[in-house]
N, C-alpha and C. Protein backbone atom coordinates (compact mmCIF):
# COMPACT_ATOMS: atom_id res chain seq x y z
N UNK A 1 -26.72 -217.27 192.26
CA UNK A 1 -28.02 -216.77 192.59
C UNK A 1 -28.13 -215.21 192.45
N UNK A 2 -27.06 -214.54 192.71
CA UNK A 2 -27.02 -213.06 192.59
C UNK A 2 -26.64 -212.60 191.22
N UNK A 3 -25.85 -213.37 190.55
CA UNK A 3 -25.32 -212.90 189.23
C UNK A 3 -26.44 -212.53 188.30
N UNK A 4 -26.30 -211.45 187.54
CA UNK A 4 -25.13 -210.58 187.45
C UNK A 4 -25.16 -209.35 188.33
N UNK A 5 -26.00 -209.35 189.35
CA UNK A 5 -26.18 -208.17 190.23
C UNK A 5 -25.08 -208.09 191.26
N UNK A 6 -24.65 -206.87 191.52
CA UNK A 6 -23.67 -206.64 192.56
C UNK A 6 -24.40 -206.62 193.89
N UNK A 7 -23.72 -207.03 194.94
CA UNK A 7 -24.27 -207.06 196.31
C UNK A 7 -23.17 -206.55 197.26
N UNK A 8 -23.65 -205.83 198.28
CA UNK A 8 -22.77 -205.36 199.31
C UNK A 8 -23.22 -205.93 200.64
N UNK A 9 -22.40 -206.72 201.27
CA UNK A 9 -22.70 -207.28 202.56
C UNK A 9 -21.92 -206.47 203.60
N UNK A 10 -22.58 -206.03 204.65
CA UNK A 10 -22.00 -205.29 205.70
C UNK A 10 -22.03 -206.14 207.00
N UNK A 11 -20.90 -206.31 207.62
CA UNK A 11 -20.83 -207.10 208.84
C UNK A 11 -19.92 -206.40 209.82
N UNK A 12 -20.06 -206.74 211.08
CA UNK A 12 -19.12 -206.22 212.09
C UNK A 12 -18.03 -207.22 212.32
N UNK A 13 -16.90 -206.73 212.65
CA UNK A 13 -15.73 -207.61 212.91
C UNK A 13 -15.98 -208.48 214.16
N UNK A 14 -16.84 -208.10 215.02
CA UNK A 14 -17.20 -208.84 216.26
C UNK A 14 -18.56 -209.54 216.15
N UNK A 15 -19.16 -209.53 215.02
CA UNK A 15 -20.49 -210.14 214.84
C UNK A 15 -20.29 -211.70 214.80
N UNK A 16 -21.13 -212.38 215.57
CA UNK A 16 -21.10 -213.84 215.60
C UNK A 16 -21.51 -214.41 214.17
N UNK A 17 -22.30 -213.65 213.44
CA UNK A 17 -22.77 -214.08 212.10
C UNK A 17 -21.84 -213.64 210.98
N UNK A 18 -20.68 -213.10 211.30
CA UNK A 18 -19.79 -212.62 210.27
C UNK A 18 -19.45 -213.66 209.24
N UNK A 19 -19.30 -214.85 209.71
CA UNK A 19 -18.93 -215.96 208.80
C UNK A 19 -19.88 -216.21 207.63
N UNK A 20 -21.18 -215.86 207.86
CA UNK A 20 -22.11 -215.99 206.82
C UNK A 20 -21.75 -215.13 205.63
N UNK A 21 -21.53 -213.87 205.94
CA UNK A 21 -21.13 -212.90 204.92
C UNK A 21 -19.82 -213.24 204.28
N UNK A 22 -18.87 -213.74 204.99
CA UNK A 22 -17.56 -214.10 204.43
C UNK A 22 -17.72 -215.30 203.50
N UNK A 23 -18.63 -216.23 203.91
CA UNK A 23 -18.85 -217.44 203.02
C UNK A 23 -19.47 -217.04 201.70
N UNK A 24 -20.45 -216.11 201.72
CA UNK A 24 -21.11 -215.70 200.53
C UNK A 24 -20.13 -214.95 199.61
N UNK A 25 -19.34 -214.06 200.21
CA UNK A 25 -18.34 -213.29 199.47
C UNK A 25 -17.33 -214.23 198.83
N UNK A 26 -16.94 -215.29 199.55
CA UNK A 26 -15.91 -216.24 198.99
C UNK A 26 -16.51 -217.03 197.78
N UNK A 27 -17.83 -217.25 197.81
CA UNK A 27 -18.46 -217.97 196.71
C UNK A 27 -18.64 -217.10 195.46
N UNK A 28 -18.69 -215.81 195.58
CA UNK A 28 -18.96 -214.90 194.50
C UNK A 28 -18.05 -213.63 194.64
N UNK A 29 -16.74 -213.77 194.59
CA UNK A 29 -15.89 -212.65 194.85
C UNK A 29 -15.99 -211.51 193.85
N UNK A 30 -16.44 -211.83 192.62
CA UNK A 30 -16.54 -210.82 191.61
C UNK A 30 -17.87 -210.06 191.69
N UNK A 31 -18.86 -210.60 192.41
CA UNK A 31 -20.20 -210.01 192.48
C UNK A 31 -20.48 -209.43 193.85
N UNK A 32 -19.85 -209.97 194.89
CA UNK A 32 -20.21 -209.56 196.22
C UNK A 32 -19.07 -208.79 196.87
N UNK A 33 -19.31 -207.60 197.31
CA UNK A 33 -18.37 -206.80 198.06
C UNK A 33 -18.69 -207.03 199.59
N UNK A 34 -17.69 -207.15 200.31
CA UNK A 34 -17.84 -207.34 201.76
C UNK A 34 -17.22 -206.17 202.54
N UNK A 35 -17.97 -205.55 203.32
CA UNK A 35 -17.57 -204.41 204.21
C UNK A 35 -17.61 -204.82 205.60
N UNK A 36 -16.48 -204.91 206.28
CA UNK A 36 -16.42 -205.27 207.69
C UNK A 36 -16.13 -204.03 208.55
N UNK A 37 -16.98 -203.76 209.47
CA UNK A 37 -16.90 -202.59 210.27
C UNK A 37 -16.06 -202.98 211.54
N UNK A 38 -14.92 -202.38 211.73
CA UNK A 38 -14.08 -202.74 212.88
C UNK A 38 -14.75 -202.52 214.19
N UNK A 39 -14.63 -203.46 215.09
CA UNK A 39 -15.16 -203.35 216.44
C UNK A 39 -16.68 -203.43 216.63
N UNK A 40 -17.44 -203.58 215.52
CA UNK A 40 -18.87 -203.66 215.58
C UNK A 40 -19.41 -205.07 215.74
N UNK A 41 -20.49 -205.23 216.45
CA UNK A 41 -21.19 -206.56 216.43
C UNK A 41 -22.43 -206.35 215.58
N UNK A 42 -23.26 -207.38 215.43
CA UNK A 42 -24.44 -207.41 214.61
C UNK A 42 -25.35 -206.24 214.99
N UNK A 43 -25.70 -206.09 216.23
CA UNK A 43 -26.71 -205.06 216.72
C UNK A 43 -26.15 -203.67 216.52
N UNK A 44 -24.85 -203.49 216.62
CA UNK A 44 -24.28 -202.11 216.47
C UNK A 44 -24.67 -201.57 215.08
N UNK A 45 -24.77 -202.36 214.07
CA UNK A 45 -24.99 -201.91 212.76
C UNK A 45 -26.45 -201.52 212.51
N UNK A 46 -27.34 -201.69 213.50
CA UNK A 46 -28.70 -201.23 213.41
C UNK A 46 -28.83 -199.89 214.09
N UNK A 47 -28.13 -199.61 215.15
CA UNK A 47 -28.46 -198.43 215.93
C UNK A 47 -27.29 -197.53 216.33
N UNK A 48 -26.07 -197.90 216.00
CA UNK A 48 -24.94 -196.99 216.35
C UNK A 48 -24.55 -196.17 215.07
N UNK A 49 -25.27 -195.11 214.92
CA UNK A 49 -25.11 -194.22 213.78
C UNK A 49 -23.70 -193.72 213.58
N UNK A 50 -22.93 -193.71 214.68
CA UNK A 50 -21.59 -193.23 214.61
C UNK A 50 -20.66 -194.16 213.93
N UNK A 51 -21.00 -195.46 213.77
CA UNK A 51 -20.11 -196.40 213.14
C UNK A 51 -20.70 -197.00 211.79
N UNK A 52 -21.90 -196.72 211.56
CA UNK A 52 -22.52 -197.16 210.31
C UNK A 52 -21.86 -196.47 209.14
N UNK A 53 -21.31 -197.17 208.18
CA UNK A 53 -20.61 -196.59 207.07
C UNK A 53 -21.45 -195.98 205.97
N UNK A 54 -22.23 -194.94 206.33
CA UNK A 54 -23.14 -194.35 205.40
C UNK A 54 -22.53 -193.93 204.07
N UNK A 55 -21.31 -193.46 204.11
CA UNK A 55 -20.58 -193.03 202.91
C UNK A 55 -20.41 -194.18 201.92
N UNK A 56 -20.02 -195.34 202.48
CA UNK A 56 -19.79 -196.53 201.66
C UNK A 56 -21.13 -197.07 201.09
N UNK A 57 -22.15 -197.03 201.90
CA UNK A 57 -23.51 -197.45 201.48
C UNK A 57 -23.95 -196.57 200.34
N UNK A 58 -23.81 -195.26 200.48
CA UNK A 58 -24.24 -194.31 199.53
C UNK A 58 -23.54 -194.53 198.15
N UNK A 59 -22.20 -194.70 198.27
CA UNK A 59 -21.40 -194.91 197.06
C UNK A 59 -21.84 -196.14 196.32
N UNK A 60 -21.97 -197.26 197.07
CA UNK A 60 -22.37 -198.52 196.48
C UNK A 60 -23.74 -198.36 195.79
N UNK A 61 -24.73 -197.82 196.44
CA UNK A 61 -26.06 -197.66 195.97
C UNK A 61 -26.08 -196.73 194.72
N UNK A 62 -25.35 -195.68 194.82
CA UNK A 62 -25.29 -194.73 193.67
C UNK A 62 -24.69 -195.38 192.42
N UNK A 63 -23.68 -196.21 192.63
CA UNK A 63 -23.00 -196.84 191.54
C UNK A 63 -23.82 -198.00 190.94
N UNK A 64 -24.57 -198.69 191.74
CA UNK A 64 -25.18 -199.96 191.28
C UNK A 64 -26.71 -199.89 191.12
N UNK A 65 -27.35 -198.75 191.36
CA UNK A 65 -28.79 -198.72 191.18
C UNK A 65 -29.11 -197.83 189.99
N UNK A 66 -28.26 -197.72 189.09
CA UNK A 66 -28.49 -196.94 187.91
C UNK A 66 -29.32 -197.63 186.88
């Protein structure tokens, strides 16, 4: 469904929904990059600016939105 577009899924290592991202990445390992933030749960990735991987998001978007 995503091909040929790259996708970046961001999840927390403590997120209850982490398995959704892992399942998608397993189905399309060449297309989907999975970034797991250590110690984060789902909500942390909305409002904990100190753990959101802005550098990785910037790099992915810069590379793939050309």
